[in-house]
Amino acid sequence: MKSRFDLSKTLIIGFIGVYVLRFLLSLFMGMMPQDAYYYLYSENLALSYFDHPPLVAYMLKLSSALFGQSVLTIKLTDFFISLLSFFSFYYLSTFFLSKRRALYAAIFYGSTILLTIISFNTTPDVPLIFFWTIALIVLYKAIFQNKLHFWALSGVLMGLSFDSKYTGLFLLMGLFLFLLMSKNHRHLLFSKQMFITMLLFLITVAPIIYWNYENDWISFAFQTTGRVADEGQFALKPVLFLGTLGTQLSLLIPVLFCGMVVVYFKLTRKAIKKRRLFDDSTNFLLAFSVPIIGFFFAVSLITWVKLNWMMPGYVAAIILTSRYLGKKMLFGQVVLSLVIHVLLFIQVAFYVVEVKSDDTWFGWEQLAEEVETLKEQNPDNFIFSNDGYKVSAVLNFYLDEHVYSGNVVGENGLQFSIIDSDLDHLEGRDAIFIDSENNFKNLSISGHIPGVLNNYFSQVTELAPIIIEDNRSRPVRKFLIYSCTGYKGEAEGGK
């Protein structure tokens, strides 16, 4: 008995350690480009946006209105929303597991890198995971208690999940799939309850549909056909599948991910062998995990699937998996998680390994200070970059003036293309162009003028680059700077 108590005590202490480190990461982590981009959303409130629905913008707008504009406000908003998601997960798990198993499930879930990512990096997944989890709680009560107010609320919550990210649509798919699988509840498919649920879902998502209609369905197209078109010709790419497998292994930590694969494999074999479905409790968890996880693993055979796309499916999957995984595996999960979080904290606090990418927290504030000096020397110049959103979004956060993106030179500027849809006021003006060079080999000028700049400006001259050093005086980031004279405008430059 004593050894069991000691193991339980060690688990709790280790898990608390993980959460303390996660909180410290939120405090120490600097601005990420995603933080700045979605903060830009919040400064330009709309019914929806180029690449995502609006709920992440409303979340940041509310927190900044209450606590002011700062990187810390953004980070703590992410942390506390994800903490609410964690407690909601535990409550949801008590519907399917004993109290002891529900605690196991919560520790498994709470020790993942999944929860860490949404705790310190602003993405639409932060509100999505929260509303997805709450929606599952209410859907369970709607189905198994069959009370009309739960059905109505579930329609709103599924709508809010969709308003967070389009993958929220998988909640609706999961609901239909479960009702089809359930002999006891199949009659609800064409019931008054389902009608009310669908009506409130449609009302909740109507602003997004209207915005897309007004903007030629640009957001829906970008997230569907646009994603596949970016990969070019259709072809099977097993390497991408293996890459997705690796990212998901890292996201959940290998102990949990491998345990999950084994559990789902055994359940599949059992269903095939017995030629029948499982009980309603198991079917519920399968219906809200298999479609989204299976879909994106299938998609990964032809295109790159991002780390976070499957995240919502793991809510139900971890609860189901926790029925079968024992305390020893949980102990291994927590120990490995603790080690990973210690290493993450050391990296964030001391920047041990250089991140050769713009997807980093390091150096942005220093860049803004250097660009501000450049602007003071050239007060009439406008500033822009051309990397989708990253440099432009971060500078918009730190600087007092608007910074433009790649649509200045006819490229896709994502939400910037919506915000700055008319650039006529820039014609004839001079500009400063900033280009991040990630894999730099020297600290000198590049000696190369990007061809697209010559199309849109009368003259382009490369200036001395901006070099960002770390605390040990190592040059870790390099930004190429170009002085651009006489902007020709979109129509003239595109000829």
Protein backbone atom coordinates (compact mmCIF):
# COMPACT_ATOMS: atom_id res chain seq x y z
CA MET A 1 0.00 0.00 0.00
CA LYS A 2 2.80 2.37 0.86
CA SER A 3 4.46 1.96 -2.53
CA ARG A 4 1.15 2.68 -4.27
CA PHE A 5 0.69 5.80 -2.17
CA ASP A 6 4.22 6.91 -2.92
CA LEU A 7 3.71 6.39 -6.66
CA SER A 8 0.48 8.39 -6.57
CA LYS A 9 2.18 11.14 -4.60
CA THR A 10 5.07 11.23 -7.05
CA LEU A 11 2.62 11.46 -9.96
CA ILE A 12 0.82 14.43 -8.42
CA ILE A 13 4.08 16.22 -7.57
CA GLY A 14 5.44 15.60 -11.07
CA PHE A 15 2.23 16.81 -12.68
CA ILE A 16 2.21 19.97 -10.55
CA GLY A 17 5.82 20.49 -11.65
CA VAL A 18 4.73 20.29 -15.29
CA TYR A 19 2.02 22.89 -14.73
CA VAL A 20 4.34 25.24 -12.84
CA LEU A 21 6.82 25.04 -15.72
CA ARG A 22 3.99 25.63 -18.18
CA PHE A 23 2.98 28.76 -16.27
CA LEU A 24 6.60 29.97 -16.16
CA LEU A 25 6.89 29.38 -19.90
CA SER A 26 3.89 31.66 -20.37
CA LEU A 27 5.59 34.36 -18.30
CA PHE A 28 9.02 34.07 -19.94
CA MET A 29 7.93 33.43 -23.53
CA GLY A 30 8.26 36.52 -25.69
CA MET A 31 6.02 37.57 -28.55
CA MET A 32 5.34 34.90 -31.15
CA PRO A 33 4.29 35.95 -34.67
CA GLN A 34 0.97 34.16 -34.15
CA ASP A 35 0.31 36.25 -31.02
CA ALA A 36 0.84 39.43 -33.01
CA TYR A 37 -1.18 38.28 -36.01
CA TYR A 38 -4.29 37.41 -34.02
CA TYR A 39 -3.88 40.57 -31.98
CA LEU A 40 -4.05 42.39 -35.31
CA TYR A 41 -7.39 40.64 -35.78
CA SER A 42 -8.57 42.08 -32.45
CA GLU A 43 -7.59 45.61 -33.52
CA ASN A 44 -9.74 45.22 -36.64
CA LEU A 45 -12.88 43.52 -35.35
CA ALA A 46 -15.00 41.89 -38.04
CA LEU A 47 -17.54 39.11 -38.49
CA SER A 48 -14.74 36.87 -39.76
CA TYR A 49 -11.23 36.99 -41.23
CA PHE A 50 -9.23 35.83 -44.24
CA ASP A 51 -7.85 32.62 -42.76
CA HIS A 52 -9.94 31.95 -39.62
CA PRO A 53 -13.24 32.70 -37.88
CA PRO A 54 -13.34 35.57 -35.36
CA LEU A 55 -13.52 34.14 -31.84
CA VAL A 56 -9.77 34.38 -31.19
CA ALA A 57 -10.01 38.10 -32.00
CA TYR A 58 -12.89 38.64 -29.58
CA MET A 59 -10.98 36.73 -26.89
CA LEU A 60 -7.95 39.02 -27.23
CA LYS A 61 -10.09 42.14 -27.53
CA LEU A 62 -11.80 41.38 -24.23
CA SER A 63 -8.57 40.57 -22.36
CA SER A 64 -6.74 43.64 -23.69
CA ALA A 65 -9.73 45.85 -22.80
CA LEU A 66 -9.63 44.51 -19.24
CA PHE A 67 -5.87 44.30 -18.68
CA GLY A 68 -4.23 46.46 -21.35
CA GLN A 69 -2.10 45.77 -24.41
CA SER A 70 0.97 43.71 -23.54
CA VAL A 71 2.65 40.46 -24.42
CA LEU A 72 1.98 39.27 -20.86
CA THR A 73 -1.76 39.89 -21.24
CA ILE A 74 -1.83 37.80 -24.41
CA LYS A 75 0.16 34.96 -22.85
CA LEU A 76 -1.89 34.84 -19.66
CA THR A 77 -5.10 34.87 -21.68
CA ASP A 78 -3.92 31.75 -23.51
CA PHE A 79 -2.80 30.13 -20.25
CA PHE A 80 -6.03 30.67 -18.33
CA ILE A 81 -8.30 29.67 -21.23
CA SER A 82 -6.29 26.46 -21.62
CA LEU A 83 -6.51 25.92 -17.84
CA LEU A 84 -10.30 26.15 -18.10
CA SER A 85 -10.10 23.61 -20.93
CA PHE A 86 -8.14 21.29 -18.64
CA PHE A 87 -10.70 21.47 -15.82
CA SER A 88 -13.52 21.01 -18.34
CA PHE A 89 -11.73 17.93 -19.67
CA TYR A 90 -11.57 16.43 -16.18
CA TYR A 91 -15.29 17.04 -15.65
CA LEU A 92 -16.09 15.47 -19.03
CA SER A 93 -13.98 12.42 -18.22
CA THR A 94 -16.04 11.72 -15.06
CA PHE A 95 -18.98 10.85 -17.35
CA PHE A 96 -17.04 7.89 -18.75
CA LEU A 97 -14.52 6.88 -16.07
CA SER A 98 -14.29 6.20 -12.36
CA LYS A 99 -12.90 9.02 -10.24
CA ARG A 100 -9.48 7.37 -10.18
CA ARG A 101 -9.45 6.81 -13.94
CA ALA A 102 -10.75 10.34 -14.55
CA LEU A 103 -7.79 11.65 -12.58
CA TYR A 104 -5.48 9.46 -14.69
CA ALA A 105 -7.06 10.86 -17.85
CA ALA A 106 -6.64 14.44 -16.61
CA ILE A 107 -2.96 13.85 -15.83
CA PHE A 108 -2.40 12.21 -19.22
CA TYR A 109 -4.08 15.15 -20.95
CA GLY A 110 -2.50 17.81 -18.76
CA SER A 111 1.01 16.48 -19.34
CA THR A 112 0.84 16.72 -23.14
CA ILE A 113 2.68 19.24 -25.28
CA LEU A 114 -0.73 19.88 -26.84
CA LEU A 115 -1.87 21.75 -23.74
CA THR A 116 1.49 23.51 -23.45
CA ILE A 117 1.28 24.88 -26.99
CA ILE A 118 -2.15 26.41 -26.48
CA SER A 119 -1.03 27.77 -23.09
CA PHE A 120 1.56 30.20 -24.47
CA ASN A 121 0.96 30.60 -28.21
CA THR A 122 -2.15 32.38 -29.47
CA THR A 123 -4.00 30.45 -32.16
CA PRO A 124 -7.68 29.79 -32.89
CA ASP A 125 -7.10 26.44 -31.18
CA VAL A 126 -7.16 28.17 -27.78
CA PRO A 127 -10.89 28.99 -27.88
CA LEU A 128 -11.59 25.93 -30.09
CA ILE A 129 -10.37 23.40 -27.53
CA PHE A 130 -12.29 25.18 -24.77
CA PHE A 131 -15.62 25.32 -26.62
CA TRP A 132 -15.13 21.84 -28.11
CA THR A 133 -14.72 20.36 -24.61
CA ILE A 134 -17.68 22.28 -23.19
CA ALA A 135 -19.76 21.26 -26.22
CA LEU A 136 -18.98 17.57 -25.56
CA ILE A 137 -20.12 17.99 -21.94
CA VAL A 138 -23.45 19.51 -23.01
CA LEU A 139 -23.92 17.08 -25.92
CA TYR A 140 -23.50 14.16 -23.55
CA LYS A 141 -26.14 15.59 -21.23
CA ALA A 142 -28.42 16.41 -24.17
CA ILE A 143 -28.27 12.88 -25.52
CA PHE A 144 -28.35 10.86 -22.31
CA GLN A 145 -30.65 13.13 -20.27
CA ASN A 146 -32.65 14.31 -23.32
CA LYS A 147 -33.52 17.71 -21.90
CA LEU A 148 -34.42 20.41 -24.40
CA HIS A 149 -32.27 23.16 -22.86
CA PHE A 150 -29.16 20.98 -23.23
CA TRP A 151 -29.99 20.39 -26.88
CA ALA A 152 -30.39 24.11 -27.45
CA LEU A 153 -27.15 24.94 -25.64
CA SER A 154 -25.26 22.25 -27.56
CA GLY A 155 -26.22 23.95 -30.84
CA VAL A 156 -24.79 27.25 -29.60
CA LEU A 157 -21.60 25.64 -28.28
CA MET A 158 -20.98 23.70 -31.48
CA GLY A 159 -21.49 26.99 -33.30
CA LEU A 160 -18.96 28.73 -31.04
CA SER A 161 -16.48 25.94 -31.77
CA PHE A 162 -16.97 26.58 -35.47
CA ASP A 163 -16.66 30.32 -34.79
CA SER A 164 -13.26 29.50 -33.28
CA LYS A 165 -11.99 27.33 -36.13
CA TYR A 166 -13.61 25.58 -39.06
CA THR A 167 -12.64 22.16 -37.70
CA GLY A 168 -15.43 22.74 -35.18
CA LEU A 169 -17.65 21.29 -37.93
CA PHE A 170 -16.40 17.84 -36.88
CA LEU A 171 -18.53 18.19 -33.74
CA LEU A 172 -21.64 18.18 -35.91
CA MET A 173 -20.29 15.20 -37.86
CA GLY A 174 -19.57 13.39 -34.61
CA LEU A 175 -23.11 13.99 -33.36
CA PHE A 176 -24.69 12.56 -36.52
CA LEU A 177 -22.27 9.62 -36.51
CA PHE A 178 -23.00 8.75 -32.89
CA LEU A 179 -26.77 8.88 -33.39
CA LEU A 180 -26.44 6.64 -36.42
CA MET A 181 -24.40 4.11 -34.40
CA SER A 182 -26.70 4.16 -31.36
CA LYS A 183 -29.79 1.95 -31.41
CA ASN A 184 -31.03 3.66 -28.24
CA HIS A 185 -30.78 7.20 -29.59
CA ARG A 186 -31.09 6.89 -33.36
CA HIS A 187 -34.64 8.23 -33.21
CA LEU A 188 -33.21 11.62 -32.22
CA LEU A 189 -31.80 12.17 -35.72
CA PHE A 190 -35.09 13.60 -36.96
CA SER A 191 -36.46 14.89 -33.70
CA LYS A 192 -37.60 18.29 -32.47
CA GLN A 193 -34.45 18.37 -30.33
CA MET A 194 -32.19 17.98 -33.36
CA PHE A 195 -34.11 20.65 -35.26
CA ILE A 196 -33.57 23.14 -32.41
CA THR A 197 -29.89 22.18 -32.16
CA MET A 198 -29.32 22.70 -35.88
CA LEU A 199 -31.26 25.96 -35.92
CA LEU A 200 -29.21 27.45 -33.09
CA PHE A 201 -25.99 26.15 -34.66
CA LEU A 202 -26.84 27.90 -37.92
CA ILE A 203 -27.78 31.13 -36.12
CA THR A 204 -24.47 31.07 -34.23
CA VAL A 205 -22.37 30.58 -37.37
CA ALA A 206 -24.47 32.84 -39.62
CA PRO A 207 -22.15 35.90 -39.24
CA ILE A 208 -19.21 33.87 -40.61
CA ILE A 209 -21.25 32.59 -43.54
CA TYR A 210 -22.46 36.12 -44.28
CA TRP A 211 -18.89 37.52 -44.13
CA ASN A 212 -17.69 34.82 -46.53
CA TYR A 213 -20.58 35.55 -48.86
CA GLU A 214 -19.67 39.26 -48.83
CA ASN A 215 -16.00 38.40 -49.52
CA ASP A 216 -16.45 35.85 -52.33
CA TRP A 217 -16.10 32.88 -49.93
CA ILE A 218 -12.41 33.70 -49.63
CA SER A 219 -11.87 32.19 -46.18
CA PHE A 220 -13.67 28.91 -46.90
CA ALA A 221 -11.72 28.59 -50.15
CA PHE A 222 -8.38 29.30 -48.45
CA GLN A 223 -8.92 26.61 -45.82
CA THR A 224 -10.14 23.94 -48.25
CA THR A 225 -9.18 23.98 -51.93
CA GLY A 226 -6.46 26.55 -51.28
CA ARG A 227 -4.58 24.25 -48.92
CA VAL A 228 -4.46 21.41 -51.45
CA ALA A 229 -3.69 23.73 -54.38
CA ASP A 230 -0.58 24.96 -52.53
CA GLU A 231 0.85 21.45 -52.81
CA GLY A 232 0.51 21.41 -56.60
CA GLN A 233 -0.33 18.22 -58.49
CA PHE A 234 -2.21 15.51 -56.62
CA ALA A 235 0.10 12.66 -55.59
CA LEU A 236 0.58 10.31 -52.66
CA LYS A 237 3.40 11.49 -50.39
CA PRO A 238 4.16 8.89 -47.71
CA VAL A 239 6.96 11.08 -46.32
CA LEU A 240 4.38 13.68 -45.32
CA PHE A 241 2.38 10.98 -43.52
CA LEU A 242 5.49 9.97 -41.58
CA GLY A 243 6.11 13.63 -40.75
CA THR A 244 2.57 13.96 -39.41
CA LEU A 245 3.05 10.79 -37.39
CA GLY A 246 6.18 12.32 -35.86
CA THR A 247 4.52 15.63 -34.97
CA GLN A 248 1.57 13.88 -33.31
CA LEU A 249 3.95 11.62 -31.41
CA SER A 250 5.64 14.73 -30.06
CA LEU A 251 2.35 16.52 -29.40
CA LEU A 252 0.98 13.83 -27.08
CA ILE A 253 4.37 12.49 -25.90
CA PRO A 254 5.28 8.94 -27.09
CA VAL A 255 3.93 7.06 -24.04
CA LEU A 256 0.38 8.34 -24.53
CA PHE A 257 0.43 8.36 -28.33
CA CYS A 258 1.69 4.78 -28.61
CA GLY A 259 -0.77 3.67 -25.93
CA MET A 260 -3.57 5.33 -27.88
CA VAL A 261 -2.58 3.61 -31.13
CA VAL A 262 -2.58 0.22 -29.40
CA VAL A 263 -5.96 0.84 -27.73
CA TYR A 264 -7.64 1.97 -30.96
CA PHE A 265 -6.10 -0.94 -32.88
CA LYS A 266 -7.43 -3.46 -30.35
CA LEU A 267 -10.87 -1.85 -30.34
CA THR A 268 -10.98 -2.01 -34.14
CA ARG A 269 -9.95 -5.67 -34.13
CA LYS A 270 -12.57 -6.43 -31.49
CA ALA A 271 -15.33 -4.69 -33.48
CA ILE A 272 -14.39 -6.60 -36.65
CA LYS A 273 -14.19 -9.92 -34.81
CA LYS A 274 -17.55 -9.55 -33.04
CA ARG A 275 -19.18 -7.75 -35.99
CA ARG A 276 -20.97 -5.26 -33.80
CA LEU A 277 -20.54 -1.79 -32.39
CA PHE A 278 -19.69 -0.96 -28.80
CA ASP A 279 -21.81 0.42 -25.99
CA ASP A 280 -23.08 4.00 -26.27
CA SER A 281 -20.42 5.36 -23.93
CA THR A 282 -17.59 4.00 -26.08
CA ASN A 283 -19.33 4.93 -29.33
CA PHE A 284 -19.67 8.53 -28.12
CA LEU A 285 -15.91 8.82 -27.58
CA LEU A 286 -15.17 7.13 -30.90
CA ALA A 287 -17.57 9.38 -32.81
CA PHE A 288 -15.86 12.54 -31.56
CA SER A 289 -12.30 11.33 -32.09
CA VAL A 290 -12.00 8.96 -35.07
CA PRO A 291 -13.47 11.23 -37.81
CA ILE A 292 -11.21 14.22 -37.25
CA ILE A 293 -8.04 12.23 -36.45
CA GLY A 294 -8.66 9.75 -39.27
CA PHE A 295 -9.47 12.51 -41.76
CA PHE A 296 -6.29 14.48 -41.17
CA PHE A 297 -4.08 11.39 -41.17
CA ALA A 298 -5.63 10.51 -44.55
CA VAL A 299 -5.09 14.06 -45.81
CA SER A 300 -1.44 13.85 -44.69
CA LEU A 301 -0.85 11.34 -47.49
CA ILE A 302 -1.23 14.14 -50.05
CA THR A 303 -0.46 17.40 -48.22
CA TRP A 304 1.29 18.69 -45.11
CA VAL A 305 -0.94 18.56 -42.04
CA LYS A 306 -0.08 21.08 -39.37
CA LEU A 307 0.71 20.06 -35.82
CA ASN A 308 -2.51 21.46 -34.34
CA TRP A 309 -5.19 20.34 -36.80
CA MET A 310 -6.07 17.10 -34.98
CA MET A 311 -5.97 18.57 -31.48
CA PRO A 312 -9.73 18.56 -30.74
CA GLY A 313 -10.03 14.85 -31.54
CA TYR A 314 -7.63 13.99 -28.75
CA VAL A 315 -10.06 15.22 -26.07
CA ALA A 316 -12.32 12.17 -26.50
CA ALA A 317 -9.43 9.92 -27.59
CA ILE A 318 -7.46 10.47 -24.37
CA ILE A 319 -10.52 9.73 -22.22
CA LEU A 320 -11.11 6.47 -24.10
CA THR A 321 -7.44 5.50 -23.97
CA SER A 322 -7.27 6.22 -20.22
CA ARG A 323 -9.70 3.35 -19.59
CA TYR A 324 -6.95 0.91 -20.44
CA LEU A 325 -3.57 2.49 -19.60
CA GLY A 326 -2.19 1.78 -16.13
CA LYS A 327 -0.37 3.82 -13.52
CA LYS A 328 3.09 2.74 -14.71
CA MET A 329 2.45 4.17 -18.16
CA LEU A 330 1.07 7.31 -16.56
CA PHE A 331 4.22 7.58 -14.47
CA GLY A 332 6.36 7.26 -17.62
CA GLN A 333 4.25 9.94 -19.32
CA VAL A 334 4.66 12.41 -16.44
CA VAL A 335 8.40 11.81 -16.07
CA LEU A 336 8.99 12.30 -19.80
CA SER A 337 6.73 15.36 -19.81
CA LEU A 338 8.60 16.86 -16.86
CA VAL A 339 11.95 16.36 -18.62
CA ILE A 340 10.61 17.93 -21.84
CA HIS A 341 9.17 20.93 -19.98
CA VAL A 342 12.43 21.50 -18.09
CA LEU A 343 14.28 21.53 -21.41
CA LEU A 344 11.67 23.84 -22.92
CA PHE A 345 12.02 26.25 -20.02
CA ILE A 346 15.83 26.28 -20.31
CA GLN A 347 15.51 26.96 -24.05
CA VAL A 348 13.00 29.79 -23.57
CA ALA A 349 14.82 31.39 -20.64
CA PHE A 350 18.38 31.09 -22.00
CA TYR A 351 17.94 30.55 -25.76
CA VAL A 352 20.44 27.69 -25.86
CA VAL A 353 19.61 26.48 -29.39
CA GLU A 354 19.17 28.98 -32.21
CA VAL A 355 15.79 28.75 -33.93
CA LYS A 356 16.46 29.27 -37.62
CA SER A 357 12.92 30.34 -38.37
CA ASP A 358 10.60 33.29 -37.92
CA ASP A 359 8.43 31.04 -35.73
CA THR A 360 10.34 32.10 -32.66
CA TRP A 361 9.85 34.30 -29.63
CA PHE A 362 13.37 35.73 -29.72
CA GLY A 363 14.52 39.04 -31.16
CA TRP A 364 11.26 40.67 -32.19
CA GLU A 365 11.36 43.51 -29.69
CA GLN A 366 14.95 44.33 -30.66
CA LEU A 367 13.93 44.33 -34.32
CA ALA A 368 11.11 46.77 -33.56
CA GLU A 369 13.54 49.11 -31.81
CA GLU A 370 15.90 49.08 -34.81
CA VAL A 371 13.05 49.64 -37.27
CA GLU A 372 11.75 52.50 -35.15
CA THR A 373 15.18 54.16 -35.47
CA LEU A 374 15.04 53.64 -39.25
CA LYS A 375 11.60 55.21 -39.34
CA GLU A 376 12.80 58.24 -37.39
CA GLN A 377 15.52 58.71 -40.01
CA ASN A 378 12.98 58.30 -42.85
CA PRO A 379 9.73 59.68 -41.42
CA ASP A 380 7.87 59.79 -44.76
CA ASN A 381 8.54 56.15 -45.66
CA PHE A 382 5.99 53.41 -45.11
CA ILE A 383 7.19 50.02 -43.86
CA PHE A 384 6.31 46.60 -45.25
CA SER A 385 7.43 43.00 -45.38
CA ASN A 386 6.50 40.01 -47.53
CA ASP A 387 6.40 36.80 -45.50
CA GLY A 388 2.65 36.31 -45.24
CA TYR A 389 2.17 37.98 -41.89
CA LYS A 390 4.98 37.38 -39.41
CA VAL A 391 7.31 40.39 -39.57
CA SER A 392 4.46 42.75 -40.46
CA ALA A 393 2.24 41.54 -37.61
CA VAL A 394 4.95 41.79 -34.96
CA LEU A 395 5.99 45.28 -36.05
CA ASN A 396 2.35 46.34 -36.04
CA PHE A 397 2.14 45.26 -32.42
CA TYR A 398 5.26 47.13 -31.28
CA LEU A 399 5.24 50.23 -33.50
CA ASP A 400 2.83 53.16 -33.35
CA GLU A 401 2.17 53.16 -37.09
CA HIS A 402 0.62 50.68 -39.49
CA VAL A 403 3.02 48.24 -41.15
CA TYR A 404 2.03 46.67 -44.48
CA SER A 405 2.48 43.18 -45.90
CA GLY A 406 3.09 41.34 -49.18
CA ASN A 407 -0.03 42.62 -50.93
CA VAL A 408 1.95 45.84 -51.47
CA VAL A 409 3.88 43.90 -54.15
CA GLY A 410 0.98 41.76 -55.37
CA GLU A 411 1.52 38.80 -53.03
CA ASN A 412 -0.99 37.18 -50.70
CA GLY A 413 -0.92 39.18 -47.47
CA LEU A 414 -3.62 37.04 -45.79
CA GLN A 415 -5.63 39.29 -43.45
CA PHE A 416 -3.49 42.27 -44.49
CA SER A 417 -5.01 41.93 -47.96
CA ILE A 418 -8.43 42.52 -46.36
CA ILE A 419 -7.34 45.32 -44.02
CA ASP A 420 -5.32 47.09 -46.74
CA SER A 421 -7.52 46.29 -49.71
CA ASP A 422 -6.99 49.77 -51.17
CA LEU A 423 -3.36 50.93 -51.43
CA ASP A 424 -3.91 53.96 -53.66
CA HIS A 425 -2.81 56.29 -50.85
CA LEU A 426 0.69 54.76 -50.99
CA GLU A 427 1.34 55.57 -54.66
CA GLY A 428 4.42 57.72 -55.17
CA ARG A 429 5.66 57.19 -51.61
CA ASP A 430 9.01 55.71 -50.58
CA ALA A 431 9.21 52.61 -48.41
CA ILE A 432 11.42 50.48 -46.18
CA PHE A 433 11.22 46.77 -47.01
CA ILE A 434 12.23 44.22 -44.35
CA ASP A 435 13.13 40.66 -45.28
CA SER A 436 14.08 38.02 -42.70
CA GLU A 437 17.08 35.86 -43.64
CA ASN A 438 16.87 32.74 -41.49
CA ASN A 439 19.80 30.63 -42.62
CA PHE A 440 22.36 33.43 -42.91
CA LYS A 441 26.02 32.61 -43.31
CA ASN A 442 27.47 36.11 -42.91
CA LEU A 443 26.50 39.49 -41.46
CA SER A 444 26.97 41.57 -44.61
CA ILE A 445 24.42 42.77 -47.14
CA SER A 446 23.04 40.10 -49.47
CA GLY A 447 24.00 41.94 -52.66
CA HIS A 448 20.69 40.83 -54.15
CA ILE A 449 17.57 42.88 -54.83
CA PRO A 450 14.32 40.82 -54.79
CA GLY A 451 12.96 41.04 -58.33
CA VAL A 452 9.42 41.77 -57.23
CA LEU A 453 10.56 45.06 -55.64
CA ASN A 454 11.89 46.35 -58.96
CA ASN A 455 8.45 45.79 -60.47
CA TYR A 456 6.72 48.00 -57.93
CA PHE A 457 9.31 50.70 -57.16
CA SER A 458 11.31 53.09 -59.33
CA GLN A 459 14.55 52.37 -57.46
CA VAL A 460 15.62 49.89 -54.77
CA THR A 461 18.81 50.10 -52.69
CA GLU A 462 19.94 47.56 -50.10
CA LEU A 463 20.93 49.03 -46.73
CA ALA A 464 22.97 47.53 -43.91
CA PRO A 465 21.14 44.55 -42.38
CA ILE A 466 19.75 44.47 -38.86
CA ILE A 467 21.55 41.87 -36.75
CA ILE A 468 19.98 40.59 -33.53
CA GLU A 469 22.31 39.14 -30.90
CA ASP A 470 21.50 36.94 -27.93
CA ASN A 471 22.70 37.41 -24.34
CA ARG A 472 26.06 35.86 -25.22
CA SER A 473 26.59 38.31 -28.12
CA ARG A 474 25.96 35.61 -30.72
CA PRO A 475 24.32 36.90 -33.91
CA VAL A 476 21.16 34.79 -34.05
CA ARG A 477 18.82 36.67 -36.40
CA LYS A 478 19.39 38.71 -39.53
CA PHE A 479 16.99 41.02 -41.35
CA LEU A 480 17.75 42.43 -44.79
CA ILE A 481 16.72 46.06 -45.23
CA TYR A 482 15.89 47.76 -48.53
CA SER A 483 15.19 51.42 -49.28
CA CYS A 484 12.49 51.58 -51.97
CA THR A 485 11.76 54.80 -53.92
CA GLY A 486 8.55 55.76 -55.73
CA TYR A 487 5.85 53.13 -55.20
CA LYS A 488 4.07 52.57 -58.50
CA GLY A 489 0.88 51.15 -57.03
CA GLU A 490 -0.78 47.78 -57.43
CA ALA A 491 -2.07 48.23 -60.97
CA GLU A 492 1.13 49.72 -62.40
CA GLY A 493 3.47 47.38 -60.52
CA GLY A 494 1.61 44.25 -61.56
CA LYS A 495 2.10 44.92 -65.28
